[in-house]
Amino acid sequence: MLSKVKICGLQNEADIEMINQLKPEFAGFIINYPVSYRSKTEQEVKILREKLREDIQAVGVFVNEPEENVIRMLKEGTIDIAQLHGEEDDEMVLRIKRSTNQPVIKSFCLRREKDLEEALLSHADYILLDQGKGEGKTFDWSLIKKEIKRPWFLAGGLKKENLREAIERLRPYAVDLSSGVETDKRKDPKKVFEVLEIARTL
């Protein structure tokens, strides 16, 4: 398998049951970001996390969340990994890592080559390259001109129809899917199964 899989924006117990059966490597929860219909409160995520298989890593996705909240959720085990998807700077990334000894993913919008250069300098354990903040669109993959020599997540507009090309062409550490595995704003087990099948046969 060339790339691991993260299914993001889980909303309810049915999603967790599906994830437990299909077993992607990462399960993502959008926390305290009411702009998104997928957003959950910290308490809701705790309840869902308790039902998640232990061998699936829970990722908390935050947009400009107070640093102390992120640190607390990592220390309490509500999540295994923090994904910072807002304007958080590299100093915040370092402070969270030092305080918790837990992994951090930092997302970057890739719109020009300079954005990639900036992302590659991040002290995060993983960088995530996306088109925007959960807009469900791909970015210009030609901006990545050579293999990225550090663990990174590819996000933005991924779905069954383009996943094989994305993995074979860009070879990310992991792919991150949300809207591409939904039907009527709910996770669709058939679509999740299909993308996992693609990822696991490469």
Protein backbone atom coordinates (compact mmCIF):
# COMPACT_ATOMS: atom_id res chain seq x y z
CA MET A 1 0.00 0.00 0.00
CA LEU A 2 1.54 3.31 -1.09
CA SER A 3 -0.63 5.64 1.00
CA LYS A 4 -2.52 5.39 4.26
CA VAL A 5 -6.10 6.72 4.42
CA LYS A 6 -7.78 9.28 6.66
CA ILE A 7 -11.55 9.60 6.59
CA CYS A 8 -12.39 13.03 7.99
CA GLY A 9 -15.50 14.72 9.32
CA LEU A 10 -17.06 11.80 11.18
CA GLN A 11 -20.37 12.80 12.72
CA ASN A 12 -22.14 9.99 14.53
CA GLU A 13 -22.07 6.42 15.86
CA ALA A 14 -23.02 4.98 12.47
CA ASP A 15 -19.87 6.58 11.03
CA ILE A 16 -17.78 5.04 13.80
CA GLU A 17 -19.27 1.58 13.25
CA MET A 18 -18.45 1.86 9.55
CA ILE A 19 -14.90 3.04 10.26
CA ASN A 20 -14.37 0.20 12.73
CA GLN A 21 -15.38 -2.30 10.04
CA LEU A 22 -13.45 -0.78 7.13
CA LYS A 23 -10.38 0.25 9.18
CA PRO A 24 -8.73 3.27 7.60
CA GLU A 25 -5.57 4.25 9.45
CA PHE A 26 -6.92 7.64 10.60
CA ALA A 27 -10.35 8.90 11.68
CA GLY A 28 -10.84 12.67 11.66
CA PHE A 29 -13.14 14.77 13.83
CA ILE A 30 -13.73 18.48 13.22
CA ILE A 31 -13.90 20.04 16.67
CA ASN A 32 -15.46 23.36 17.73
CA TYR A 33 -15.78 24.80 14.23
CA PRO A 34 -19.51 25.50 13.77
CA VAL A 35 -18.96 26.92 10.28
CA SER A 36 -18.79 23.26 9.19
CA TYR A 37 -21.83 20.99 9.29
CA ARG A 38 -19.42 18.23 10.33
CA SER A 39 -18.31 20.05 13.49
CA LYS A 40 -18.63 18.29 16.84
CA THR A 41 -18.12 19.51 20.39
CA GLU A 42 -15.29 18.19 22.50
CA GLN A 43 -17.75 16.14 24.57
CA GLU A 44 -19.35 14.64 21.46
CA VAL A 45 -15.92 13.63 20.17
CA LYS A 46 -15.06 12.00 23.51
CA ILE A 47 -18.15 9.80 23.26
CA LEU A 48 -17.44 8.86 19.64
CA ARG A 49 -13.76 8.24 20.38
CA GLU A 50 -14.66 5.72 23.09
CA LYS A 51 -16.38 3.62 20.43
CA LEU A 52 -13.50 3.82 17.94
CA ARG A 53 -11.14 0.87 17.50
CA GLU A 54 -7.89 1.40 19.39
CA ASP A 55 -5.79 0.67 16.30
CA ILE A 56 -7.35 3.57 14.37
CA GLN A 57 -5.78 6.92 15.21
CA ALA A 58 -8.20 9.71 16.13
CA VAL A 59 -7.29 13.07 14.59
CA GLY A 60 -8.77 16.27 15.98
CA VAL A 61 -9.09 18.96 13.31
CA PHE A 62 -8.93 22.51 14.69
CA VAL A 63 -9.27 25.94 13.11
CA ASN A 64 -7.66 28.57 15.34
CA GLU A 65 -8.65 26.70 18.49
CA PRO A 66 -7.07 28.01 21.72
CA GLU A 67 -3.78 26.23 22.22
CA GLU A 68 -4.61 25.08 25.75
CA ASN A 69 -7.71 23.26 24.49
CA VAL A 70 -5.73 21.35 21.89
CA ILE A 71 -3.11 20.38 24.47
CA ARG A 72 -5.76 19.24 26.95
CA MET A 73 -7.54 17.03 24.41
CA LEU A 74 -4.25 15.39 23.46
CA LYS A 75 -3.23 14.82 27.08
CA GLU A 76 -6.65 13.44 28.02
CA GLY A 77 -6.61 11.02 25.09
CA THR A 78 -9.67 12.48 23.39
CA ILE A 79 -7.51 12.52 20.25
CA ASP A 80 -4.18 10.98 19.25
CA ILE A 81 -3.10 13.62 16.75
CA ALA A 82 -3.87 17.34 16.43
CA GLN A 83 -4.44 18.75 12.95
CA LEU A 84 -4.10 22.53 12.85
CA HIS A 85 -6.11 23.86 9.94
CA GLY A 86 -6.14 27.59 10.62
CA GLU A 87 -3.59 30.39 10.99
CA GLU A 88 -1.55 28.63 13.69
CA ASP A 89 2.16 29.46 13.47
CA ASP A 90 5.17 27.19 13.79
CA GLU A 91 5.79 28.27 17.38
CA MET A 92 2.38 26.95 18.36
CA VAL A 93 3.16 23.67 16.61
CA LEU A 94 6.37 23.36 18.63
CA ARG A 95 4.68 24.22 21.93
CA ILE A 96 1.98 21.60 21.41
CA LYS A 97 4.56 18.96 20.53
CA ARG A 98 6.70 19.79 23.56
CA SER A 99 3.73 19.87 25.94
CA THR A 100 2.19 16.60 24.82
CA ASN A 101 4.81 14.54 22.98
CA GLN A 102 2.00 13.78 20.52
CA PRO A 103 2.05 14.22 16.72
CA VAL A 104 0.86 17.39 15.02
CA ILE A 105 -0.37 17.79 11.43
CA LYS A 106 -0.20 21.33 10.03
CA SER A 107 -2.27 22.09 6.96
CA PHE A 108 -1.20 24.45 4.19
CA CYS A 109 -3.17 25.86 1.26
CA LEU A 110 -1.14 25.16 -1.86
CA ARG A 111 -1.75 27.85 -4.47
CA ARG A 112 1.79 28.66 -5.61
CA GLU A 113 5.23 27.09 -5.35
CA LYS A 114 6.18 29.37 -2.47
CA ASP A 115 3.40 27.81 -0.37
CA LEU A 116 5.06 24.41 -0.71
CA GLU A 117 8.45 25.84 0.26
CA GLU A 118 6.88 27.26 3.43
CA ALA A 119 5.12 24.00 4.25
CA LEU A 120 8.31 21.99 3.96
CA LEU A 121 9.91 24.13 6.69
CA SER A 122 7.20 23.32 9.24
CA HIS A 123 8.17 21.62 12.50
CA ALA A 124 4.94 19.61 12.41
CA ASP A 125 5.30 15.83 12.32
CA TYR A 126 3.19 15.83 9.16
CA ILE A 127 2.19 18.52 6.71
CA LEU A 128 -1.16 18.45 4.93
CA LEU A 129 -1.49 20.04 1.51
CA ASP A 130 -4.94 21.25 0.51
CA GLN A 131 -6.69 23.74 -1.74
CA GLY A 132 -8.43 25.53 1.10
CA LYS A 133 -10.34 24.94 4.29
CA GLY A 134 -12.45 21.93 3.44
CA GLU A 135 -13.80 23.24 0.15
CA GLY A 136 -13.78 19.85 -1.55
CA LYS A 137 -11.66 21.01 -4.50
CA THR A 138 -8.30 19.78 -5.74
CA PHE A 139 -5.32 22.11 -5.95
CA ASP A 140 -2.97 22.29 -8.91
CA TRP A 141 -0.98 19.08 -8.46
CA SER A 142 1.65 20.33 -10.92
CA LEU A 143 2.90 22.61 -8.13
CA ILE A 144 4.49 19.46 -6.66
CA LYS A 145 7.37 18.98 -9.07
CA LYS A 146 9.33 16.31 -7.21
CA GLU A 147 8.82 13.75 -4.48
CA ILE A 148 8.25 15.28 -1.04
CA LYS A 149 10.86 13.82 1.31
CA ARG A 150 8.81 13.99 4.49
CA PRO A 151 5.52 12.45 5.66
CA TRP A 152 2.61 14.40 4.21
CA PHE A 153 -1.14 14.16 3.74
CA LEU A 154 -2.82 14.98 0.44
CA ALA A 155 -6.28 16.55 0.77
CA GLY A 156 -8.72 18.51 -1.33
CA GLY A 157 -11.30 17.11 -3.70
CA LEU A 158 -10.19 13.49 -3.48
CA LYS A 159 -12.71 10.84 -4.49
CA LYS A 160 -12.90 7.45 -6.17
CA GLU A 161 -12.48 8.95 -9.64
CA ASN A 162 -9.13 10.67 -9.00
CA LEU A 163 -7.64 8.81 -6.05
CA ARG A 164 -5.58 6.30 -8.02
CA GLU A 165 -3.96 9.04 -10.10
CA ALA A 166 -3.30 11.14 -7.00
CA ILE A 167 -1.53 8.33 -5.16
CA GLU A 168 0.46 7.07 -8.13
CA ARG A 169 1.50 10.54 -9.23
CA LEU A 170 2.21 12.24 -5.90
CA ARG A 171 2.89 9.30 -3.53
CA PRO A 172 1.73 10.96 -0.31
CA TYR A 173 2.17 9.30 3.07
CA ALA A 174 -1.62 9.49 3.46
CA VAL A 175 -4.69 10.70 1.60
CA ASP A 176 -7.44 12.62 3.39
CA LEU A 177 -11.04 12.32 2.20
CA SER A 178 -14.27 13.86 3.42
CA SER A 179 -16.80 15.23 0.92
CA GLY A 180 -15.59 12.71 -1.67
CA VAL A 181 -16.98 9.87 0.44
CA GLU A 182 -20.29 11.53 1.28
CA THR A 183 -23.81 11.37 -0.13
CA ASP A 184 -26.19 14.11 1.00
CA LYS A 185 -23.65 15.36 3.56
CA ARG A 186 -23.37 11.97 5.27
CA LYS A 187 -20.55 9.46 5.04
CA ASP A 188 -21.45 6.80 2.48
CA PRO A 189 -20.13 3.32 3.43
CA LYS A 190 -19.99 2.26 -0.23
CA LYS A 191 -17.82 5.24 -1.18
CA VAL A 192 -15.53 4.73 1.82
CA PHE A 193 -15.15 1.06 0.90
CA GLU A 194 -14.33 1.96 -2.71
CA VAL A 195 -11.58 4.44 -1.85
CA LEU A 196 -10.02 2.08 0.66
CA GLU A 197 -10.00 -0.67 -1.96
CA ILE A 198 -8.18 1.64 -4.37
CA ALA A 199 -5.60 2.70 -1.78
CA ARG A 200 -4.95 -0.86 -0.64
CA THR A 201 -4.37 -2.24 -4.11
CA LEU A 202 -1.62 0.26 -4.97
